[in-house]
Amino acid sequence: TAEGVLLARDLGNEPSNILTPEAFAEEAKSIAKKLGLKATVYDEKKIQQEKMNLLWAVGKGSVNPPRFIVLEYKPAKAKKSLALVGKGMTFDSGGISLKPGARMEDMKHDMCGAAAVLGAMSTIAKLKLPVHVWCIIAAADNMPDANATQPGNIIASRAGKTVEINNTDAEGRLILADALDYAQDLKPDYIINAATLTGAISVALGKMCAGLMSNDDDLALTICEASAFSGER
């Protein structure tokens, strides 16, 4: 468990010039190889072929193109299935809707949701837990280049829904929309999404705990019990 936590922490602390979306994908593949997991990585061409247009719209303004990463752990005696979906913004400048300069260096941490699910996947595999798990990561670099998505653009998602972009700094919900659509196609029993999605959660709860939102009260209670047991608030 500690090794999984440290993996997530180390990934979160990497600067964005080192941990690009491509580097994140290579790290995930390396971990998968060591643990005997199935690994699939979609490059920018495959992302577009899969009609993950929201992920592509966020990542196409950067010299570092986006990656879509899927790891699978499937033990023989699995009784339940789980999809872990992580937000992997390796850096978030805000795009055309540029963030203020103060504390922007912290935006290297905008991939901590993805780091958390990759750390969890590593721990699940090492503990040989009897559950079928997918680890799904949408990784991108949100930059205001000439090719960046502009406010007012309308993009069709993988699910076929159209989205009007009012603010390019609302990028997390875009990349996760395509990732969650992919996850639900796998028909897991549960989907859990981890993301640094909005600073408002820190305003509400402070810096020492995470927010939990769920449409399944029993699952939410189980997560809260695990939170109390582990000390991860």
C-alpha atoms as a PDB file:
ATOM      1  CA  THR A   1       0.000   0.000   0.000  1.00  0.00           C
ATOM      2  CA  ALA A   2       2.815   2.383   0.896  1.00  0.00           C
ATOM      3  CA  GLU A   3       4.507   1.700  -2.434  1.00  0.00           C
ATOM      4  CA  GLY A   4       1.302   2.693  -4.249  1.00  0.00           C
ATOM      5  CA  VAL A   5       1.026   5.889  -2.213  1.00  0.00           C
ATOM      6  CA  LEU A   6       4.659   6.783  -2.899  1.00  0.00           C
ATOM      7  CA  LEU A   7       4.214   6.101  -6.621  1.00  0.00           C
ATOM      8  CA  ALA A   8       1.295   8.535  -6.747  1.00  0.00           C
ATOM      9  CA  ARG A   9       3.220  11.113  -4.721  1.00  0.00           C
ATOM     10  CA  ASP A  10       6.327  10.864  -6.881  1.00  0.00           C
ATOM     11  CA  LEU A  11       4.315  11.251 -10.091  1.00  0.00           C
ATOM     12  CA  GLY A  12       2.493  14.263  -8.637  1.00  0.00           C
ATOM     13  CA  ASN A  13       5.770  15.972  -7.797  1.00  0.00           C
ATOM     14  CA  GLU A  14       7.323  15.558 -11.252  1.00  0.00           C
ATOM     15  CA  PRO A  15       7.620  18.839 -13.215  1.00  0.00           C
ATOM     16  CA  SER A  16       5.632  19.073 -16.428  1.00  0.00           C
ATOM     17  CA  ASN A  17       8.740  19.277 -18.630  1.00  0.00           C
ATOM     18  CA  ILE A  18       9.584  15.755 -17.419  1.00  0.00           C
ATOM     19  CA  LEU A  19       6.144  14.169 -16.967  1.00  0.00           C
ATOM     20  CA  THR A  20       4.524  14.942 -20.322  1.00  0.00           C
ATOM     21  CA  PRO A  21       1.450  12.942 -21.420  1.00  0.00           C
ATOM     22  CA  GLU A  22       3.729  10.676 -23.450  1.00  0.00           C
ATOM     23  CA  ALA A  23       6.091  10.168 -20.500  1.00  0.00           C
ATOM     24  CA  PHE A  24       3.095   9.387 -18.273  1.00  0.00           C
ATOM     25  CA  ALA A  25       1.997   6.731 -20.764  1.00  0.00           C
ATOM     26  CA  GLU A  26       5.483   5.205 -20.837  1.00  0.00           C
ATOM     27  CA  GLU A  27       5.547   5.096 -17.026  1.00  0.00           C
ATOM     28  CA  ALA A  28       2.153   3.375 -16.984  1.00  0.00           C
ATOM     29  CA  LYS A  29       3.327   0.814 -19.550  1.00  0.00           C
ATOM     30  CA  SER A  30       6.468   0.151 -17.520  1.00  0.00           C
ATOM     31  CA  ILE A  31       4.412  -0.464 -14.372  1.00  0.00           C
ATOM     32  CA  ALA A  32       2.024  -2.713 -16.307  1.00  0.00           C
ATOM     33  CA  LYS A  33       4.912  -4.793 -17.652  1.00  0.00           C
ATOM     34  CA  LYS A  34       6.377  -5.290 -14.174  1.00  0.00           C
ATOM     35  CA  LEU A  35       3.001  -6.338 -12.731  1.00  0.00           C
ATOM     36  CA  GLY A  36       1.771  -8.417 -15.653  1.00  0.00           C
ATOM     37  CA  LEU A  37      -1.083  -6.077 -16.560  1.00  0.00           C
ATOM     38  CA  LYS A  38      -2.542  -5.498 -20.003  1.00  0.00           C
ATOM     39  CA  ALA A  39      -1.682  -1.976 -21.223  1.00  0.00           C
ATOM     40  CA  THR A  40      -3.194  -0.017 -24.104  1.00  0.00           C
ATOM     41  CA  VAL A  41      -2.112   3.518 -25.049  1.00  0.00           C
ATOM     42  CA  TYR A  42      -3.887   5.660 -27.642  1.00  0.00           C
ATOM     43  CA  ASP A  43      -1.731   8.292 -29.344  1.00  0.00           C
ATOM     44  CA  GLU A  44      -3.143  11.487 -30.848  1.00  0.00           C
ATOM     45  CA  LYS A  45      -4.193   9.751 -34.081  1.00  0.00           C
ATOM     46  CA  LYS A  46      -5.977   6.934 -32.283  1.00  0.00           C
ATOM     47  CA  ILE A  47      -7.625   9.437 -29.910  1.00  0.00           C
ATOM     48  CA  GLN A  48      -9.138  11.204 -32.909  1.00  0.00           C
ATOM     49  CA  GLN A  49     -10.128   7.918 -34.550  1.00  0.00           C
ATOM     50  CA  GLU A  50     -11.939   6.956 -31.328  1.00  0.00           C
ATOM     51  CA  LYS A  51     -13.810  10.302 -31.524  1.00  0.00           C
ATOM     52  CA  MET A  52     -12.428  11.458 -28.183  1.00  0.00           C
ATOM     53  CA  ASN A  53     -12.725  14.959 -29.537  1.00  0.00           C
ATOM     54  CA  LEU A  54     -12.935  16.632 -26.124  1.00  0.00           C
ATOM     55  CA  LEU A  55      -9.618  15.117 -25.012  1.00  0.00           C
ATOM     56  CA  TRP A  56      -8.085  16.111 -28.343  1.00  0.00           C
ATOM     57  CA  ALA A  57      -9.528  19.636 -28.100  1.00  0.00           C
ATOM     58  CA  VAL A  58      -7.841  20.171 -24.718  1.00  0.00           C
ATOM     59  CA  GLY A  59      -4.478  18.675 -25.691  1.00  0.00           C
ATOM     60  CA  LYS A  60      -3.992  19.875 -29.252  1.00  0.00           C
ATOM     61  CA  GLY A  61      -2.686  23.299 -28.218  1.00  0.00           C
ATOM     62  CA  SER A  62       0.475  21.795 -26.774  1.00  0.00           C
ATOM     63  CA  VAL A  63       3.689  20.580 -28.399  1.00  0.00           C
ATOM     64  CA  ASN A  64       3.189  17.534 -26.126  1.00  0.00           C
ATOM     65  CA  PRO A  65       0.180  15.671 -27.592  1.00  0.00           C
ATOM     66  CA  PRO A  66      -2.404  13.916 -25.389  1.00  0.00           C
ATOM     67  CA  ARG A  67      -2.455  10.236 -24.507  1.00  0.00           C
ATOM     68  CA  PHE A  68      -5.283   7.915 -23.439  1.00  0.00           C
ATOM     69  CA  ILE A  69      -4.062   5.122 -21.167  1.00  0.00           C
ATOM     70  CA  VAL A  70      -5.862   1.910 -20.193  1.00  0.00           C
ATOM     71  CA  LEU A  71      -4.435  -0.738 -17.845  1.00  0.00           C
ATOM     72  CA  GLU A  72      -6.357  -3.925 -17.059  1.00  0.00           C
ATOM     73  CA  TYR A  73      -6.003  -6.341 -14.143  1.00  0.00           C
ATOM     74  CA  LYS A  74      -8.173  -9.468 -14.497  1.00  0.00           C
ATOM     75  CA  PRO A  75      -7.587 -12.248 -11.977  1.00  0.00           C
ATOM     76  CA  ALA A  76      -9.274 -15.605 -12.521  1.00  0.00           C
ATOM     77  CA  LYS A  77     -11.423 -15.405  -9.367  1.00  0.00           C
ATOM     78  CA  ALA A  78     -12.724 -11.843  -9.804  1.00  0.00           C
ATOM     79  CA  LYS A  79     -16.299 -11.434  -8.532  1.00  0.00           C
ATOM     80  CA  LYS A  80     -16.762  -7.703  -9.149  1.00  0.00           C
ATOM     81  CA  SER A  81     -15.450  -5.222 -11.703  1.00  0.00           C
ATOM     82  CA  LEU A  82     -14.260  -1.669 -11.171  1.00  0.00           C
ATOM     83  CA  ALA A  83     -13.145   1.146 -13.449  1.00  0.00           C
ATOM     84  CA  LEU A  84     -10.804   3.726 -11.925  1.00  0.00           C
ATOM     85  CA  VAL A  85     -10.739   6.904 -14.032  1.00  0.00           C
ATOM     86  CA  GLY A  86      -8.116   9.588 -13.425  1.00  0.00           C
ATOM     87  CA  LYS A  87      -7.703  13.157 -14.622  1.00  0.00           C
ATOM     88  CA  GLY A  88      -4.174  13.460 -16.038  1.00  0.00           C
ATOM     89  CA  MET A  89      -3.587  17.135 -16.851  1.00  0.00           C
ATOM     90  CA  THR A  90       0.208  17.132 -16.775  1.00  0.00           C
ATOM     91  CA  PHE A  91       0.067  20.925 -16.809  1.00  0.00           C
ATOM     92  CA  ASP A  92      -2.876  23.311 -16.876  1.00  0.00           C
ATOM     93  CA  SER A  93      -2.094  26.859 -17.980  1.00  0.00           C
ATOM     94  CA  GLY A  94      -5.814  27.448 -18.506  1.00  0.00           C
ATOM     95  CA  GLY A  95      -5.311  27.511 -22.281  1.00  0.00           C
ATOM     96  CA  ILE A  96      -6.610  30.608 -24.082  1.00  0.00           C
ATOM     97  CA  SER A  97      -8.484  31.461 -20.851  1.00  0.00           C
ATOM     98  CA  LEU A  98      -5.085  31.856 -19.207  1.00  0.00           C
ATOM     99  CA  LYS A  99      -4.781  31.441 -15.439  1.00  0.00           C
ATOM    100  CA  PRO A 100      -3.211  34.189 -13.263  1.00  0.00           C
ATOM    101  CA  GLY A 101       0.535  33.768 -12.900  1.00  0.00           C
ATOM    102  CA  ALA A 102       0.495  33.458  -9.099  1.00  0.00           C
ATOM    103  CA  ARG A 103       0.961  29.830  -8.022  1.00  0.00           C
ATOM    104  CA  MET A 104       0.661  28.567 -11.593  1.00  0.00           C
ATOM    105  CA  GLU A 105       3.625  26.297 -10.872  1.00  0.00           C
ATOM    106  CA  ASP A 106       1.235  24.204  -8.780  1.00  0.00           C
ATOM    107  CA  MET A 107      -0.639  23.265 -11.944  1.00  0.00           C
ATOM    108  CA  LYS A 108       1.851  20.419 -12.465  1.00  0.00           C
ATOM    109  CA  HIS A 109      -0.321  18.744  -9.807  1.00  0.00           C
ATOM    110  CA  ASP A 110      -3.388  18.738 -12.052  1.00  0.00           C
ATOM    111  CA  MET A 111      -2.619  15.102 -12.870  1.00  0.00           C
ATOM    112  CA  CYS A 112      -2.863  13.907  -9.268  1.00  0.00           C
ATOM    113  CA  GLY A 113      -6.170  12.143  -9.935  1.00  0.00           C
ATOM    114  CA  ALA A 114      -4.418  10.057 -12.576  1.00  0.00           C
ATOM    115  CA  ALA A 115      -1.464   9.490 -10.234  1.00  0.00           C
ATOM    116  CA  ALA A 116      -3.876   8.285  -7.538  1.00  0.00           C
ATOM    117  CA  VAL A 117      -5.614   5.714  -9.757  1.00  0.00           C
ATOM    118  CA  LEU A 118      -2.292   4.452 -11.128  1.00  0.00           C
ATOM    119  CA  GLY A 119      -0.973   4.079  -7.575  1.00  0.00           C
ATOM    120  CA  ALA A 120      -4.175   2.273  -6.606  1.00  0.00           C
ATOM    121  CA  MET A 121      -3.888  -0.037  -9.625  1.00  0.00           C
ATOM    122  CA  SER A 122      -0.321  -0.901  -8.646  1.00  0.00           C
ATOM    123  CA  THR A 123      -1.410  -1.730  -5.106  1.00  0.00           C
ATOM    124  CA  ILE A 124      -4.411  -3.802  -6.270  1.00  0.00           C
ATOM    125  CA  ALA A 125      -2.189  -5.898  -8.529  1.00  0.00           C
ATOM    126  CA  LYS A 126       0.509  -6.399  -5.891  1.00  0.00           C
ATOM    127  CA  LEU A 127      -2.071  -7.473  -3.291  1.00  0.00           C
ATOM    128  CA  LYS A 128      -3.679  -9.791  -5.877  1.00  0.00           C
ATOM    129  CA  LEU A 129      -7.161  -8.622  -4.944  1.00  0.00           C
ATOM    130  CA  PRO A 130     -10.041 -10.679  -6.435  1.00  0.00           C
ATOM    131  CA  VAL A 131     -11.567  -7.874  -8.496  1.00  0.00           C
ATOM    132  CA  HIS A 132     -11.450  -7.088 -12.220  1.00  0.00           C
ATOM    133  CA  VAL A 133     -10.062  -3.536 -12.524  1.00  0.00           C
ATOM    134  CA  TRP A 134      -9.455  -1.093 -15.344  1.00  0.00           C
ATOM    135  CA  CYS A 135      -7.261   1.955 -14.746  1.00  0.00           C
ATOM    136  CA  ILE A 136      -8.197   4.645 -17.272  1.00  0.00           C
ATOM    137  CA  ILE A 137      -6.201   7.869 -17.620  1.00  0.00           C
ATOM    138  CA  ALA A 138      -6.861  10.814 -19.901  1.00  0.00           C
ATOM    139  CA  ALA A 139      -3.535  12.674 -20.099  1.00  0.00           C
ATOM    140  CA  ALA A 140      -3.116  16.101 -21.703  1.00  0.00           C
ATOM    141  CA  ASP A 141      -1.205  19.378 -21.492  1.00  0.00           C
ATOM    142  CA  ASN A 142      -3.466  22.476 -21.616  1.00  0.00           C
ATOM    143  CA  MET A 143      -1.547  25.253 -23.388  1.00  0.00           C
ATOM    144  CA  PRO A 144      -2.478  28.468 -25.303  1.00  0.00           C
ATOM    145  CA  ASP A 145      -0.712  27.689 -28.579  1.00  0.00           C
ATOM    146  CA  ALA A 146      -1.904  28.748 -32.052  1.00  0.00           C
ATOM    147  CA  ASN A 147      -3.703  25.410 -32.406  1.00  0.00           C
ATOM    148  CA  ALA A 148      -5.449  25.650 -29.028  1.00  0.00           C
ATOM    149  CA  THR A 149      -9.215  25.396 -28.640  1.00  0.00           C
ATOM    150  CA  GLN A 150     -10.867  28.815 -28.427  1.00  0.00           C
ATOM    151  CA  PRO A 151     -13.760  30.001 -26.246  1.00  0.00           C
ATOM    152  CA  GLY A 152     -16.953  29.698 -28.267  1.00  0.00           C
ATOM    153  CA  ASN A 153     -15.835  26.556 -30.107  1.00  0.00           C
ATOM    154  CA  ILE A 154     -18.333  23.670 -30.222  1.00  0.00           C
ATOM    155  CA  ILE A 155     -16.921  20.149 -29.946  1.00  0.00           C
ATOM    156  CA  ALA A 156     -18.643  16.761 -30.302  1.00  0.00           C
ATOM    157  CA  SER A 157     -17.778  14.299 -27.530  1.00  0.00           C
ATOM    158  CA  ARG A 158     -17.157  10.556 -27.860  1.00  0.00           C
ATOM    159  CA  ALA A 159     -20.722  10.058 -26.633  1.00  0.00           C
ATOM    160  CA  GLY A 160     -22.024  12.236 -29.470  1.00  0.00           C
ATOM    161  CA  LYS A 161     -23.041  15.175 -27.292  1.00  0.00           C
ATOM    162  CA  THR A 162     -21.939  18.647 -28.383  1.00  0.00           C
ATOM    163  CA  VAL A 163     -20.185  20.951 -25.925  1.00  0.00           C
ATOM    164  CA  GLU A 164     -19.762  24.702 -26.230  1.00  0.00           C
ATOM    165  CA  ILE A 165     -16.460  25.853 -24.742  1.00  0.00           C
ATOM    166  CA  ASN A 166     -17.063  29.000 -22.686  1.00  0.00           C
ATOM    167  CA  ASN A 167     -13.811  28.866 -20.739  1.00  0.00           C
ATOM    168  CA  THR A 168     -10.820  26.724 -21.753  1.00  0.00           C
ATOM    169  CA  ASP A 169      -9.777  26.488 -18.089  1.00  0.00           C
ATOM    170  CA  ALA A 170     -12.743  24.139 -17.532  1.00  0.00           C
ATOM    171  CA  GLU A 171     -10.730  21.432 -19.273  1.00  0.00           C
ATOM    172  CA  GLY A 172     -10.968  18.649 -16.700  1.00  0.00           C
ATOM    173  CA  ARG A 173     -14.647  17.914 -17.268  1.00  0.00           C
ATOM    174  CA  LEU A 174     -13.927  17.700 -21.006  1.00  0.00           C
ATOM    175  CA  ILE A 175     -11.195  15.067 -20.909  1.00  0.00           C
ATOM    176  CA  LEU A 176     -13.107  13.135 -18.243  1.00  0.00           C
ATOM    177  CA  ALA A 177     -16.302  13.124 -20.311  1.00  0.00           C
ATOM    178  CA  ASP A 178     -14.582  11.086 -23.021  1.00  0.00           C
ATOM    179  CA  ALA A 179     -12.809   8.903 -20.448  1.00  0.00           C
ATOM    180  CA  LEU A 180     -16.017   8.175 -18.516  1.00  0.00           C
ATOM    181  CA  ASP A 181     -17.874   7.387 -21.731  1.00  0.00           C
ATOM    182  CA  TYR A 182     -15.154   4.843 -22.537  1.00  0.00           C
ATOM    183  CA  ALA A 183     -15.351   3.452 -18.986  1.00  0.00           C
ATOM    184  CA  GLN A 184     -19.111   2.907 -19.061  1.00  0.00           C
ATOM    185  CA  ASP A 185     -18.795   0.959 -22.332  1.00  0.00           C
ATOM    186  CA  LEU A 186     -16.754  -1.612 -20.372  1.00  0.00           C
ATOM    187  CA  LYS A 187     -19.849  -2.177 -18.164  1.00  0.00           C
ATOM    188  CA  PRO A 188     -18.048  -2.348 -14.805  1.00  0.00           C
ATOM    189  CA  ASP A 189     -20.001  -2.771 -11.576  1.00  0.00           C
ATOM    190  CA  TYR A 190     -18.562   0.524 -10.316  1.00  0.00           C
ATOM    191  CA  ILE A 191     -16.836   3.573 -11.771  1.00  0.00           C
ATOM    192  CA  ILE A 192     -14.721   5.754  -9.480  1.00  0.00           C
ATOM    193  CA  ASN A 193     -13.274   8.991 -10.823  1.00  0.00           C
ATOM    194  CA  ALA A 194     -10.415  10.831  -9.098  1.00  0.00           C
ATOM    195  CA  ALA A 195      -9.680  14.391 -10.183  1.00  0.00           C
ATOM    196  CA  THR A 196      -8.347  17.790  -9.136  1.00  0.00           C
ATOM    197  CA  LEU A 197     -11.394  19.233 -10.841  1.00  0.00           C
ATOM    198  CA  THR A 198     -12.143  22.507  -9.068  1.00  0.00           C
ATOM    199  CA  GLY A 199     -10.506  24.803  -6.540  1.00  0.00           C
ATOM    200  CA  ALA A 200     -13.929  25.357  -4.991  1.00  0.00           C
ATOM    201  CA  ILE A 201     -13.593  22.031  -3.173  1.00  0.00           C
ATOM    202  CA  SER A 202     -10.639  23.492  -1.262  1.00  0.00           C
ATOM    203  CA  VAL A 203     -12.721  26.541  -0.394  1.00  0.00           C
ATOM    204  CA  ALA A 204     -15.445  24.249   0.956  1.00  0.00           C
ATOM    205  CA  LEU A 205     -13.327  21.615   2.736  1.00  0.00           C
ATOM    206  CA  GLY A 206      -9.834  23.068   3.132  1.00  0.00           C
ATOM    207  CA  LYS A 207      -6.584  21.452   2.027  1.00  0.00           C
ATOM    208  CA  MET A 208      -6.592  18.413   4.308  1.00  0.00           C
ATOM    209  CA  CYS A 209      -9.323  16.211   2.839  1.00  0.00           C
ATOM    210  CA  ALA A 210     -10.926  15.256  -0.459  1.00  0.00           C
ATOM    211  CA  GLY A 211     -14.519  15.783  -1.526  1.00  0.00           C
ATOM    212  CA  LEU A 212     -16.723  12.777  -2.310  1.00  0.00           C
ATOM    213  CA  MET A 213     -19.769  12.931  -4.586  1.00  0.00           C
ATOM    214  CA  SER A 214     -21.699   9.799  -5.531  1.00  0.00           C
ATOM    215  CA  ASN A 215     -24.997   8.582  -6.949  1.00  0.00           C
ATOM    216  CA  ASP A 216     -24.645   5.365  -4.914  1.00  0.00           C
ATOM    217  CA  ASP A 217     -25.094   5.809  -1.149  1.00  0.00           C
ATOM    218  CA  ASP A 218     -23.886   2.299  -0.283  1.00  0.00           C
ATOM    219  CA  LEU A 219     -20.691   2.770  -2.284  1.00  0.00           C
ATOM    220  CA  ALA A 220     -20.134   6.218  -0.753  1.00  0.00           C
ATOM    221  CA  LEU A 221     -20.521   4.736   2.757  1.00  0.00           C
ATOM    222  CA  THR A 222     -18.024   1.987   1.928  1.00  0.00           C
ATOM    223  CA  ILE A 223     -15.522   4.584   0.697  1.00  0.00           C
ATOM    224  CA  CYS A 224     -16.037   6.678   3.852  1.00  0.00           C
ATOM    225  CA  GLU A 225     -15.392   3.602   6.014  1.00  0.00           C
ATOM    226  CA  ALA A 226     -12.196   2.887   4.058  1.00  0.00           C
ATOM    227  CA  SER A 227     -11.239   6.541   4.495  1.00  0.00           C
ATOM    228  CA  ALA A 228     -11.604   6.326   8.268  1.00  0.00           C
ATOM    229  CA  PHE A 229      -9.679   3.040   8.424  1.00  0.00           C
ATOM    230  CA  SER A 230      -6.781   4.288   6.272  1.00  0.00           C
ATOM    231  CA  GLY A 231      -6.531   7.850   7.599  1.00  0.00           C
ATOM    232  CA  GLU A 232      -7.033   9.231   4.073  1.00  0.00           C
ATOM    233  CA  ARG A 233      -9.717  11.811   4.761  1.00  0.00           C
END
